[in-house]
Amino acid sequence: GRAARLIKSKREMISEADIDAAKFEVPEESALHDALVAIKRELGEKPDVGSLASGVASMRPTIDAFFDNVFVMSEDAAVRQNRLLLCAELADLPGDLFDASLIQRLE
């Protein structure tokens, strides 16, 4: 998916910092963050493939809105870092179970 491609090309720009909700500038950032928190809580420590696939599929409108309306590579370094962290968190959903690029096939 878009998050995985972006993160692959920008991995060296991402610190180990946590996402800072205070740096969100647009509603799509907050919506994606909230969706990520919810899916992680819902899936728990050992998600099964079906739960992960349906959870990520339900996030598709939120993911699309984020990438359609948010310029990840902001000129403000702190905002850019925060947005890259959001993308990394999306791309890092349990990759051993689910390839985020498959979301495009879940329509």
PDB file of N, CA and C in Angstrom:
ATOM      1  N   GLY A   1       0.793  -1.180   0.000  1.00  0.00           N
ATOM      2  CA  GLY A   1       0.000   0.000   0.000  1.00  0.00           C
ATOM      3  C   GLY A   1       0.848   1.262   0.000  1.00  0.00           C
ATOM      4  N   ARG A   2       0.168   2.381  -0.033  1.00  0.00           N
ATOM      5  CA  ARG A   2       0.859   3.678  -0.065  1.00  0.00           C
ATOM      6  C   ARG A   2       1.739   3.885   1.149  1.00  0.00           C
ATOM      7  N   ALA A   3       1.256   3.490   2.320  1.00  0.00           N
ATOM      8  CA  ALA A   3       2.049   3.685   3.540  1.00  0.00           C
ATOM      9  C   ALA A   3       3.354   2.909   3.466  1.00  0.00           C
ATOM     10  N   ALA A   4       3.280   1.664   3.040  1.00  0.00           N
ATOM     11  CA  ALA A   4       4.478   0.828   2.966  1.00  0.00           C
ATOM     12  C   ALA A   4       5.483   1.386   1.976  1.00  0.00           C
ATOM     13  N   ARG A   5       5.013   1.846   0.817  1.00  0.00           N
ATOM     14  CA  ARG A   5       5.932   2.422  -0.175  1.00  0.00           C
ATOM     15  C   ARG A   5       6.584   3.696   0.348  1.00  0.00           C
ATOM     16  N   LEU A   6       5.788   4.536   0.983  1.00  0.00           N
ATOM     17  CA  LEU A   6       6.316   5.789   1.526  1.00  0.00           C
ATOM     18  C   LEU A   6       7.350   5.503   2.608  1.00  0.00           C
ATOM     19  N   ILE A   7       7.035   4.602   3.502  1.00  0.00           N
ATOM     20  CA  ILE A   7       7.935   4.285   4.604  1.00  0.00           C
ATOM     21  C   ILE A   7       9.207   3.643   4.091  1.00  0.00           C
ATOM     22  N   LYS A   8       9.096   2.778   3.114  1.00  0.00           N
ATOM     23  CA  LYS A   8      10.289   2.136   2.553  1.00  0.00           C
ATOM     24  C   LYS A   8      11.260   3.174   2.012  1.00  0.00           C
ATOM     25  N   SER A   9      10.726   4.201   1.362  1.00  0.00           N
ATOM     26  CA  SER A   9      11.596   5.219   0.767  1.00  0.00           C
ATOM     27  C   SER A   9      12.072   6.268   1.768  1.00  0.00           C
ATOM     28  N   LYS A  10      11.413   6.380   2.921  1.00  0.00           N
ATOM     29  CA  LYS A  10      11.745   7.436   3.897  1.00  0.00           C
ATOM     30  C   LYS A  10      12.141   6.883   5.258  1.00  0.00           C
ATOM     31  N   ARG A  11      12.410   5.601   5.374  1.00  0.00           N
ATOM     32  CA  ARG A  11      12.680   4.966   6.670  1.00  0.00           C
ATOM     33  C   ARG A  11      13.778   5.692   7.443  1.00  0.00           C
ATOM     34  N   GLU A  12      14.795   6.170   6.759  1.00  0.00           N
ATOM     35  CA  GLU A  12      15.901   6.848   7.447  1.00  0.00           C
ATOM     36  C   GLU A  12      15.472   8.177   8.076  1.00  0.00           C
ATOM     37  N   MET A  13      14.339   8.711   7.671  1.00  0.00           N
ATOM     38  CA  MET A  13      13.851   9.982   8.205  1.00  0.00           C
ATOM     39  C   MET A  13      12.989   9.795   9.455  1.00  0.00           C
ATOM     40  N   ILE A  14      12.676   8.561   9.798  1.00  0.00           N
ATOM     41  CA  ILE A  14      11.747   8.309  10.892  1.00  0.00           C
ATOM     42  C   ILE A  14      12.518   7.988  12.164  1.00  0.00           C
ATOM     43  N   SER A  15      12.226   8.741  13.205  1.00  0.00           N
ATOM     44  CA  SER A  15      12.858   8.499  14.498  1.00  0.00           C
ATOM     45  C   SER A  15      12.065   7.450  15.260  1.00  0.00           C
ATOM     46  N   GLU A  16      12.529   7.121  16.427  1.00  0.00           N
ATOM     47  CA  GLU A  16      11.830   6.166  17.285  1.00  0.00           C
ATOM     48  C   GLU A  16      10.836   6.876  18.204  1.00  0.00           C
ATOM     49  N   ALA A  17      10.522   8.112  17.919  1.00  0.00           N
ATOM     50  CA  ALA A  17       9.598   8.885  18.745  1.00  0.00           C
ATOM     51  C   ALA A  17       8.182   8.315  18.647  1.00  0.00           C
ATOM     52  N   ASP A  18       7.349   8.730  19.577  1.00  0.00           N
ATOM     53  CA  ASP A  18       5.940   8.361  19.547  1.00  0.00           C
ATOM     54  C   ASP A  18       5.153   9.410  18.770  1.00  0.00           C
ATOM     55  N   ILE A  19       4.025   9.011  18.252  1.00  0.00           N
ATOM     56  CA  ILE A  19       3.137   9.943  17.568  1.00  0.00           C
ATOM     57  C   ILE A  19       2.649  10.966  18.584  1.00  0.00           C
ATOM     58  N   ASP A  20       2.665  12.227  18.187  1.00  0.00           N
ATOM     59  CA  ASP A  20       2.240  13.324  19.063  1.00  0.00           C
ATOM     60  C   ASP A  20       0.955  13.929  18.507  1.00  0.00           C
ATOM     61  N   ALA A  21      -0.177  13.586  19.130  1.00  0.00           N
ATOM     62  CA  ALA A  21      -1.478  14.073  18.658  1.00  0.00           C
ATOM     63  C   ALA A  21      -1.570  15.597  18.682  1.00  0.00           C
ATOM     64  N   ALA A  22      -0.789  16.242  19.499  1.00  0.00           N
ATOM     65  CA  ALA A  22      -0.805  17.709  19.561  1.00  0.00           C
ATOM     66  C   ALA A  22      -0.272  18.337  18.272  1.00  0.00           C
ATOM     67  N   LYS A  23       0.437  17.553  17.474  1.00  0.00           N
ATOM     68  CA  LYS A  23       0.990  18.066  16.217  1.00  0.00           C
ATOM     69  C   LYS A  23       0.065  17.834  15.016  1.00  0.00           C
ATOM     70  N   PHE A  24      -1.072  17.196  15.240  1.00  0.00           N
ATOM     71  CA  PHE A  24      -2.008  16.988  14.139  1.00  0.00           C
ATOM     72  C   PHE A  24      -2.544  18.341  13.687  1.00  0.00           C
ATOM     73  N   GLU A  25      -2.567  18.547  12.378  1.00  0.00           N
ATOM     74  CA  GLU A  25      -3.047  19.808  11.825  1.00  0.00           C
ATOM     75  C   GLU A  25      -4.392  19.680  11.120  1.00  0.00           C
ATOM     76  N   VAL A  26      -4.728  18.465  10.703  1.00  0.00           N
ATOM     77  CA  VAL A  26      -5.975  18.245   9.969  1.00  0.00           C
ATOM     78  C   VAL A  26      -6.709  17.032  10.553  1.00  0.00           C
ATOM     79  N   PRO A  27      -8.024  16.994  10.399  1.00  0.00           N
ATOM     80  CA  PRO A  27      -8.817  15.899  10.995  1.00  0.00           C
ATOM     81  C   PRO A  27      -8.415  14.506  10.513  1.00  0.00           C
ATOM     82  N   GLU A  28      -7.913  14.397   9.299  1.00  0.00           N
ATOM     83  CA  GLU A  28      -7.552  13.075   8.764  1.00  0.00           C
ATOM     84  C   GLU A  28      -6.405  12.431   9.547  1.00  0.00           C
ATOM     85  N   GLU A  29      -5.519  13.249  10.098  1.00  0.00           N
ATOM     86  CA  GLU A  29      -4.432  12.702  10.917  1.00  0.00           C
ATOM     87  C   GLU A  29      -5.003  12.069  12.181  1.00  0.00           C
ATOM     88  N   SER A  30      -5.863  12.799  12.839  1.00  0.00           N
ATOM     89  CA  SER A  30      -6.486  12.306  14.067  1.00  0.00           C
ATOM     90  C   SER A  30      -7.334  11.070  13.785  1.00  0.00           C
ATOM     91  N   ALA A  31      -8.066  11.092  12.684  1.00  0.00           N
ATOM     92  CA  ALA A  31      -8.924   9.954  12.333  1.00  0.00           C
ATOM     93  C   ALA A  31      -8.090   8.694  12.096  1.00  0.00           C
ATOM     94  N   LEU A  32      -6.969   8.834  11.382  1.00  0.00           N
ATOM     95  CA  LEU A  32      -6.113   7.671  11.134  1.00  0.00           C
ATOM     96  C   LEU A  32      -5.511   7.173  12.443  1.00  0.00           C
ATOM     97  N   HIS A  33      -5.054   8.086  13.267  1.00  0.00           N
ATOM     98  CA  HIS A  33      -4.483   7.693  14.554  1.00  0.00           C
ATOM     99  C   HIS A  33      -5.522   6.947  15.397  1.00  0.00           C
ATOM    100  N   ASP A  34      -6.727   7.502  15.485  1.00  0.00           N
ATOM    101  CA  ASP A  34      -7.796   6.857  16.255  1.00  0.00           C
ATOM    102  C   ASP A  34      -8.107   5.467  15.714  1.00  0.00           C
ATOM    103  N   ALA A  35      -8.130   5.327  14.383  1.00  0.00           N
ATOM    104  CA  ALA A  35      -8.415   4.026  13.764  1.00  0.00           C
ATOM    105  C   ALA A  35      -7.304   3.020  14.076  1.00  0.00           C
ATOM    106  N   LEU A  36      -6.053   3.473  14.057  1.00  0.00           N
ATOM    107  CA  LEU A  36      -4.933   2.589  14.373  1.00  0.00           C
ATOM    108  C   LEU A  36      -4.984   2.124  15.831  1.00  0.00           C
ATOM    109  N   VAL A  37      -5.284   3.051  16.732  1.00  0.00           N
ATOM    110  CA  VAL A  37      -5.402   2.697  18.149  1.00  0.00           C
ATOM    111  C   VAL A  37      -6.528   1.676  18.328  1.00  0.00           C
ATOM    112  N   ALA A  38      -7.655   1.918  17.676  1.00  0.00           N
ATOM    113  CA  ALA A  38      -8.810   1.024  17.809  1.00  0.00           C
ATOM    114  C   ALA A  38      -8.521  -0.364  17.258  1.00  0.00           C
ATOM    115  N   ILE A  39      -7.892  -0.448  16.091  1.00  0.00           N
ATOM    116  CA  ILE A  39      -7.646  -1.773  15.509  1.00  0.00           C
ATOM    117  C   ILE A  39      -6.637  -2.546  16.338  1.00  0.00           C
ATOM    118  N   LYS A  40      -5.640  -1.861  16.868  1.00  0.00           N
ATOM    119  CA  LYS A  40      -4.663  -2.559  17.714  1.00  0.00           C
ATOM    120  C   LYS A  40      -5.325  -3.077  18.983  1.00  0.00           C
ATOM    121  N   ARG A  41      -6.209  -2.280  19.564  1.00  0.00           N
ATOM    122  CA  ARG A  41      -6.925  -2.703  20.773  1.00  0.00           C
ATOM    123  C   ARG A  41      -7.839  -3.888  20.444  1.00  0.00           C
ATOM    124  N   GLU A  42      -8.523  -3.798  19.321  1.00  0.00           N
ATOM    125  CA  GLU A  42      -9.456  -4.853  18.918  1.00  0.00           C
ATOM    126  C   GLU A  42      -8.739  -6.169  18.609  1.00  0.00           C
ATOM    127  N   LEU A  43      -7.583  -6.073  17.976  1.00  0.00           N
ATOM    128  CA  LEU A  43      -6.872  -7.272  17.561  1.00  0.00           C
ATOM    129  C   LEU A  43      -6.108  -7.941  18.696  1.00  0.00           C
ATOM    130  N   GLY A  44      -5.663  -7.152  19.670  1.00  0.00           N
ATOM    131  CA  GLY A  44      -4.903  -7.722  20.774  1.00  0.00           C
ATOM    132  C   GLY A  44      -3.517  -8.163  20.354  1.00  0.00           C
ATOM    133  N   GLU A  45      -2.934  -9.006  21.160  1.00  0.00           N
ATOM    134  CA  GLU A  45      -1.554  -9.450  20.944  1.00  0.00           C
ATOM    135  C   GLU A  45      -1.389 -10.471  19.826  1.00  0.00           C
ATOM    136  N   LYS A  46      -2.384 -11.328  19.648  1.00  0.00           N
ATOM    137  CA  LYS A  46      -2.257 -12.410  18.668  1.00  0.00           C
ATOM    138  C   LYS A  46      -3.454 -12.416  17.717  1.00  0.00           C
ATOM    139  N   PRO A  47      -3.450 -11.479  16.776  1.00  0.00           N
ATOM    140  CA  PRO A  47      -4.591 -11.408  15.850  1.00  0.00           C
ATOM    141  C   PRO A  47      -4.582 -12.559  14.850  1.00  0.00           C
ATOM    142  N   ASP A  48      -5.772 -12.929  14.425  1.00  0.00           N
ATOM    143  CA  ASP A  48      -5.853 -13.913  13.353  1.00  0.00           C
ATOM    144  C   ASP A  48      -5.992 -13.163  12.035  1.00  0.00           C
ATOM    145  N   VAL A  49      -5.716 -13.845  10.963  1.00  0.00           N
ATOM    146  CA  VAL A  49      -5.691 -13.228   9.642  1.00  0.00           C
ATOM    147  C   VAL A  49      -7.046 -12.616   9.285  1.00  0.00           C
ATOM    148  N   GLY A  50      -8.127 -13.315   9.562  1.00  0.00           N
ATOM    149  CA  GLY A  50      -9.457 -12.818   9.211  1.00  0.00           C
ATOM    150  C   GLY A  50      -9.802 -11.531   9.931  1.00  0.00           C
ATOM    151  N   SER A  51      -9.511 -11.484  11.238  1.00  0.00           N
ATOM    152  CA  SER A  51      -9.796 -10.273  12.014  1.00  0.00           C
ATOM    153  C   SER A  51      -8.958  -9.099  11.523  1.00  0.00           C
ATOM    154  N   LEU A  52      -7.696  -9.364  11.240  1.00  0.00           N
ATOM    155  CA  LEU A  52      -6.821  -8.306  10.755  1.00  0.00           C
ATOM    156  C   LEU A  52      -7.291  -7.790   9.397  1.00  0.00           C
ATOM    157  N   ALA A  53      -7.620  -8.697   8.495  1.00  0.00           N
ATOM    158  CA  ALA A  53      -8.072  -8.299   7.160  1.00  0.00           C
ATOM    159  C   ALA A  53      -9.350  -7.482   7.226  1.00  0.00           C
ATOM    160  N   SER A  54     -10.324  -7.920   8.032  1.00  0.00           N
ATOM    161  CA  SER A  54     -11.571  -7.167   8.096  1.00  0.00           C
ATOM    162  C   SER A  54     -11.377  -5.837   8.814  1.00  0.00           C
ATOM    163  N   GLY A  55     -10.505  -5.808   9.827  1.00  0.00           N
ATOM    164  CA  GLY A  55     -10.225  -4.554  10.524  1.00  0.00           C
ATOM    165  C   GLY A  55      -9.577  -3.534   9.617  1.00  0.00           C
ATOM    166  N   VAL A  56      -8.594  -3.967   8.854  1.00  0.00           N
ATOM    167  CA  VAL A  56      -7.910  -3.056   7.944  1.00  0.00           C
ATOM    168  C   VAL A  56      -8.847  -2.635   6.811  1.00  0.00           C
ATOM    169  N   ALA A  57      -9.670  -3.563   6.322  1.00  0.00           N
ATOM    170  CA  ALA A  57     -10.626  -3.205   5.269  1.00  0.00           C
ATOM    171  C   ALA A  57     -11.595  -2.143   5.763  1.00  0.00           C
ATOM    172  N   SER A  58     -12.006  -2.230   7.027  1.00  0.00           N
ATOM    173  CA  SER A  58     -12.930  -1.234   7.568  1.00  0.00           C
ATOM    174  C   SER A  58     -12.263   0.138   7.707  1.00  0.00           C
ATOM    175  N   MET A  59     -10.935   0.149   7.750  1.00  0.00           N
ATOM    176  CA  MET A  59     -10.177   1.405   7.849  1.00  0.00           C
ATOM    177  C   MET A  59      -9.957   2.065   6.490  1.00  0.00           C
ATOM    178  N   ARG A  60     -10.301   1.378   5.426  1.00  0.00           N
ATOM    179  CA  ARG A  60      -9.964   1.879   4.090  1.00  0.00           C
ATOM    180  C   ARG A  60     -10.421   3.316   3.836  1.00  0.00           C
ATOM    181  N   PRO A  61     -11.654   3.699   4.161  1.00  0.00           N
ATOM    182  CA  PRO A  61     -12.043   5.096   3.924  1.00  0.00           C
ATOM    183  C   PRO A  61     -11.171   6.090   4.694  1.00  0.00           C
ATOM    184  N   THR A  62     -10.786   5.715   5.907  1.00  0.00           N
ATOM    185  CA  THR A  62      -9.936   6.582   6.726  1.00  0.00           C
ATOM    186  C   THR A  62      -8.542   6.680   6.125  1.00  0.00           C
ATOM    187  N   ILE A  63      -8.010   5.551   5.676  1.00  0.00           N
ATOM    188  CA  ILE A  63      -6.684   5.524   5.049  1.00  0.00           C
ATOM    189  C   ILE A  63      -6.706   6.343   3.761  1.00  0.00           C
ATOM    190  N   ASP A  64      -7.723   6.129   2.930  1.00  0.00           N
ATOM    191  CA  ASP A  64      -7.835   6.880   1.675  1.00  0.00           C
ATOM    192  C   ASP A  64      -7.949   8.379   1.939  1.00  0.00           C
ATOM    193  N   ALA A  65      -8.754   8.764   2.922  1.00  0.00           N
ATOM    194  CA  ALA A  65      -8.916  10.191   3.245  1.00  0.00           C
ATOM    195  C   ALA A  65      -7.584  10.795   3.684  1.00  0.00           C
ATOM    196  N   PHE A  66      -6.821  10.048   4.470  1.00  0.00           N
ATOM    197  CA  PHE A  66      -5.517  10.533   4.915  1.00  0.00           C
ATOM    198  C   PHE A  66      -4.619  10.801   3.710  1.00  0.00           C
ATOM    199  N   PHE A  67      -4.470   9.819   2.834  1.00  0.00           N
ATOM    200  CA  PHE A  67      -3.562   9.984   1.697  1.00  0.00           C
ATOM    201  C   PHE A  67      -4.096  10.939   0.636  1.00  0.00           C
ATOM    202  N   ASP A  68      -5.399  11.113   0.560  1.00  0.00           N
ATOM    203  CA  ASP A  68      -5.979  12.053  -0.399  1.00  0.00           C
ATOM    204  C   ASP A  68      -5.880  13.503   0.075  1.00  0.00           C
ATOM    205  N   ASN A  69      -5.860  13.717   1.398  1.00  0.00           N
ATOM    206  CA  ASN A  69      -5.972  15.075   1.930  1.00  0.00           C
ATOM    207  C   ASN A  69      -4.806  15.560   2.775  1.00  0.00           C
ATOM    208  N   VAL A  70      -3.832  14.701   3.026  1.00  0.00           N
ATOM    209  CA  VAL A  70      -2.706  15.082   3.883  1.00  0.00           C
ATOM    210  C   VAL A  70      -1.415  15.022   3.080  1.00  0.00           C
ATOM    211  N   PHE A  71      -0.668  16.118   3.110  1.00  0.00           N
ATOM    212  CA  PHE A  71       0.646  16.144   2.481  1.00  0.00           C
ATOM    213  C   PHE A  71       1.649  15.672   3.533  1.00  0.00           C
ATOM    214  N   VAL A  72       2.035  14.403   3.442  1.00  0.00           N
ATOM    215  CA  VAL A  72       2.876  13.793   4.470  1.00  0.00           C
ATOM    216  C   VAL A  72       4.207  14.524   4.605  1.00  0.00           C
ATOM    217  N   MET A  73       4.806  14.905   3.504  1.00  0.00           N
ATOM    218  CA  MET A  73       6.142  15.496   3.519  1.00  0.00           C
ATOM    219  C   MET A  73       6.082  17.012   3.752  1.00  0.00           C
ATOM    220  N   SER A  74       5.423  17.402   4.810  1.00  0.00           N
ATOM    221  CA  SER A  74       5.292  18.811   5.198  1.00  0.00           C
ATOM    222  C   SER A  74       6.657  19.467   5.333  1.00  0.00           C
ATOM    223  N   GLU A  75       6.699  20.774   5.081  1.00  0.00           N
ATOM    224  CA  GLU A  75       7.948  21.517   5.268  1.00  0.00           C
ATOM    225  C   GLU A  75       8.302  21.628   6.745  1.00  0.00           C
ATOM    226  N   ASP A  76       7.318  21.563   7.625  1.00  0.00           N
ATOM    227  CA  ASP A  76       7.548  21.598   9.068  1.00  0.00           C
ATOM    228  C   ASP A  76       8.067  20.215   9.484  1.00  0.00           C
ATOM    229  N   ALA A  77       9.319  20.155   9.936  1.00  0.00           N
ATOM    230  CA  ALA A  77       9.964  18.881  10.246  1.00  0.00           C
ATOM    231  C   ALA A  77       9.206  18.075  11.305  1.00  0.00           C
ATOM    232  N   ALA A  78       8.678  18.728  12.320  1.00  0.00           N
ATOM    233  CA  ALA A  78       7.962  18.018  13.387  1.00  0.00           C
ATOM    234  C   ALA A  78       6.658  17.422  12.865  1.00  0.00           C
ATOM    235  N   VAL A  79       5.949  18.164  12.041  1.00  0.00           N
ATOM    236  CA  VAL A  79       4.695  17.675  11.450  1.00  0.00           C
ATOM    237  C   VAL A  79       5.002  16.521  10.495  1.00  0.00           C
ATOM    238  N   ARG A  80       6.041  16.680   9.672  1.00  0.00           N
ATOM    239  CA  ARG A  80       6.441  15.629   8.730  1.00  0.00           C
ATOM    240  C   ARG A  80       6.794  14.348   9.490  1.00  0.00           C
ATOM    241  N   GLN A  81       7.586  14.480  10.548  1.00  0.00           N
ATOM    242  CA  GLN A  81       7.983  13.329  11.359  1.00  0.00           C
ATOM    243  C   GLN A  81       6.756  12.624  11.933  1.00  0.00           C
ATOM    244  N   ASN A  82       5.823  13.394  12.441  1.00  0.00           N
ATOM    245  CA  ASN A  82       4.612  12.829  13.028  1.00  0.00           C
ATOM    246  C   ASN A  82       3.791  12.079  11.974  1.00  0.00           C
ATOM    247  N   ARG A  83       3.694  12.657  10.785  1.00  0.00           N
ATOM    248  CA  ARG A  83       2.938  12.011   9.703  1.00  0.00           C
ATOM    249  C   ARG A  83       3.637  10.743   9.224  1.00  0.00           C
ATOM    250  N   LEU A  84       4.957  10.778   9.169  1.00  0.00           N
ATOM    251  CA  LEU A  84       5.699   9.569   8.798  1.00  0.00           C
ATOM    252  C   LEU A  84       5.520   8.482   9.860  1.00  0.00           C
ATOM    253  N   LEU A  85       5.468   8.877  11.114  1.00  0.00           N
ATOM    254  CA  LEU A  85       5.218   7.907  12.180  1.00  0.00           C
ATOM    255  C   LEU A  85       3.843   7.261  12.031  1.00  0.00           C
ATOM    256  N   LEU A  86       2.837   8.062  11.655  1.00  0.00           N
ATOM    257  CA  LEU A  86       1.499   7.505  11.398  1.00  0.00           C
ATOM    258  C   LEU A  86       1.562   6.473  10.271  1.00  0.00           C
ATOM    259  N   CYS A  87       2.263   6.832   9.199  1.00  0.00           N
ATOM    260  CA  CYS A  87       2.392   5.908   8.062  1.00  0.00           C
ATOM    261  C   CYS A  87       3.142   4.644   8.465  1.00  0.00           C
ATOM    262  N   ALA A  88       4.181   4.804   9.274  1.00  0.00           N
ATOM    263  CA  ALA A  88       4.956   3.642   9.727  1.00  0.00           C
ATOM    264  C   ALA A  88       4.087   2.726  10.573  1.00  0.00           C
ATOM    265  N   GLU A  89       3.274   3.311  11.433  1.00  0.00           N
ATOM    266  CA  GLU A  89       2.401   2.496  12.275  1.00  0.00           C
ATOM    267  C   GLU A  89       1.397   1.729  11.416  1.00  0.00           C
ATOM    268  N   LEU A  90       0.886   2.372  10.392  1.00  0.00           N
ATOM    269  CA  LEU A  90      -0.027   1.698   9.469  1.00  0.00           C
ATOM    270  C   LEU A  90       0.702   0.576   8.723  1.00  0.00           C
ATOM    271  N   ALA A  91       1.873   0.886   8.202  1.00  0.00           N
ATOM    272  CA  ALA A  91       2.637  -0.103   7.439  1.00  0.00           C
ATOM    273  C   ALA A  91       3.094  -1.263   8.313  1.00  0.00           C
ATOM    274  N   ASP A  92       3.255  -1.012   9.601  1.00  0.00           N
ATOM    275  CA  ASP A  92       3.765  -2.040  10.507  1.00  0.00           C
ATOM    276  C   ASP A  92       2.678  -2.860  11.195  1.00  0.00           C
ATOM    277  N   LEU A  93       1.426  -2.684  10.790  1.00  0.00           N
ATOM    278  CA  LEU A  93       0.397  -3.576  11.345  1.00  0.00           C
ATOM    279  C   LEU A  93       0.899  -4.993  11.136  1.00  0.00           C
ATOM    280  N   PRO A  94       0.598  -5.904  12.006  1.00  0.00           N
ATOM    281  CA  PRO A  94       1.234  -7.228  12.011  1.00  0.00           C
ATOM    282  C   PRO A  94       1.550  -7.778  10.628  1.00  0.00           C
ATOM    283  N   GLY A  95       2.711  -7.384  10.137  1.00  0.00           N
ATOM    284  CA  GLY A  95       3.137  -7.745   8.791  1.00  0.00           C
ATOM    285  C   GLY A  95       3.327  -9.229   8.579  1.00  0.00           C
ATOM    286  N   ASP A  96       3.564  -9.966   9.669  1.00  0.00           N
ATOM    287  CA  ASP A  96       3.729 -11.397   9.506  1.00  0.00           C
ATOM    288  C   ASP A  96       2.402 -12.073   9.159  1.00  0.00           C
ATOM    289  N   LEU A  97       1.299 -11.348   9.387  1.00  0.00           N
ATOM    290  CA  LEU A  97      -0.012 -11.896   9.061  1.00  0.00           C
ATOM    291  C   LEU A  97      -0.642 -11.252   7.841  1.00  0.00           C
ATOM    292  N   PHE A  98      -0.286  -9.993   7.584  1.00  0.00           N
ATOM    293  CA  PHE A  98      -1.047  -9.239   6.595  1.00  0.00           C
ATOM    294  C   PHE A  98      -0.166  -8.251   5.855  1.00  0.00           C
ATOM    295  N   ASP A  99      -0.237  -8.273   4.548  1.00  0.00           N
ATOM    296  CA  ASP A  99       0.479  -7.319   3.716  1.00  0.00           C
ATOM    297  C   ASP A  99      -0.477  -6.170   3.425  1.00  0.00           C
ATOM    298  N   ALA A 100      -0.147  -4.958   3.915  1.00  0.00           N
ATOM    299  CA  ALA A 100      -1.037  -3.810   3.768  1.00  0.00           C
ATOM    300  C   ALA A 100      -1.341  -3.499   2.308  1.00  0.00           C
ATOM    301  N   SER A 101      -0.502  -3.926   1.383  1.00  0.00           N
ATOM    302  CA  SER A 101      -0.784  -3.673  -0.029  1.00  0.00           C
ATOM    303  C   SER A 101      -2.022  -4.432  -0.490  1.00  0.00           C
ATOM    304  N   LEU A 102      -2.436  -5.446   0.257  1.00  0.00           N
ATOM    305  CA  LEU A 102      -3.627  -6.215  -0.105  1.00  0.00           C
ATOM    306  C   LEU A 102      -4.911  -5.435   0.109  1.00  0.00           C
ATOM    307  N   ILE A 103      -4.858  -4.360   0.848  1.00  0.00           N
ATOM    308  CA  ILE A 103      -6.082  -3.586   1.143  1.00  0.00           C
ATOM    309  C   ILE A 103      -6.777  -3.163  -0.145  1.00  0.00           C
ATOM    310  N   GLN A 104      -6.021  -2.931  -1.204  1.00  0.00           N
ATOM    311  CA  GLN A 104      -6.613  -2.511  -2.465  1.00  0.00           C
ATOM    312  C   GLN A 104      -7.440  -3.634  -3.091  1.00  0.00           C
ATOM    313  N   ARG A 105      -7.223  -4.844  -2.666  1.00  0.00           N
ATOM    314  CA  ARG A 105      -7.960  -5.980  -3.221  1.00  0.00           C
ATOM    315  C   ARG A 105      -9.171  -6.364  -2.396  1.00  0.00           C
ATOM    316  N   LEU A 106      -9.421  -5.648  -1.297  1.00  0.00           N
ATOM    317  CA  LEU A 106     -10.495  -6.023  -0.378  1.00  0.00           C
ATOM    318  C   LEU A 106     -11.814  -5.310  -0.634  1.00  0.00           C
ATOM    319  N   GLU A 107     -11.995  -4.767  -1.799  1.00  0.00           N
ATOM    320  CA  GLU A 107     -13.226  -4.038  -2.096  1.00  0.00           C
ATOM    321  C   GLU A 107     -14.389  -4.981  -2.296  1.00  0.00           C
TER     322      GLU A 107
END
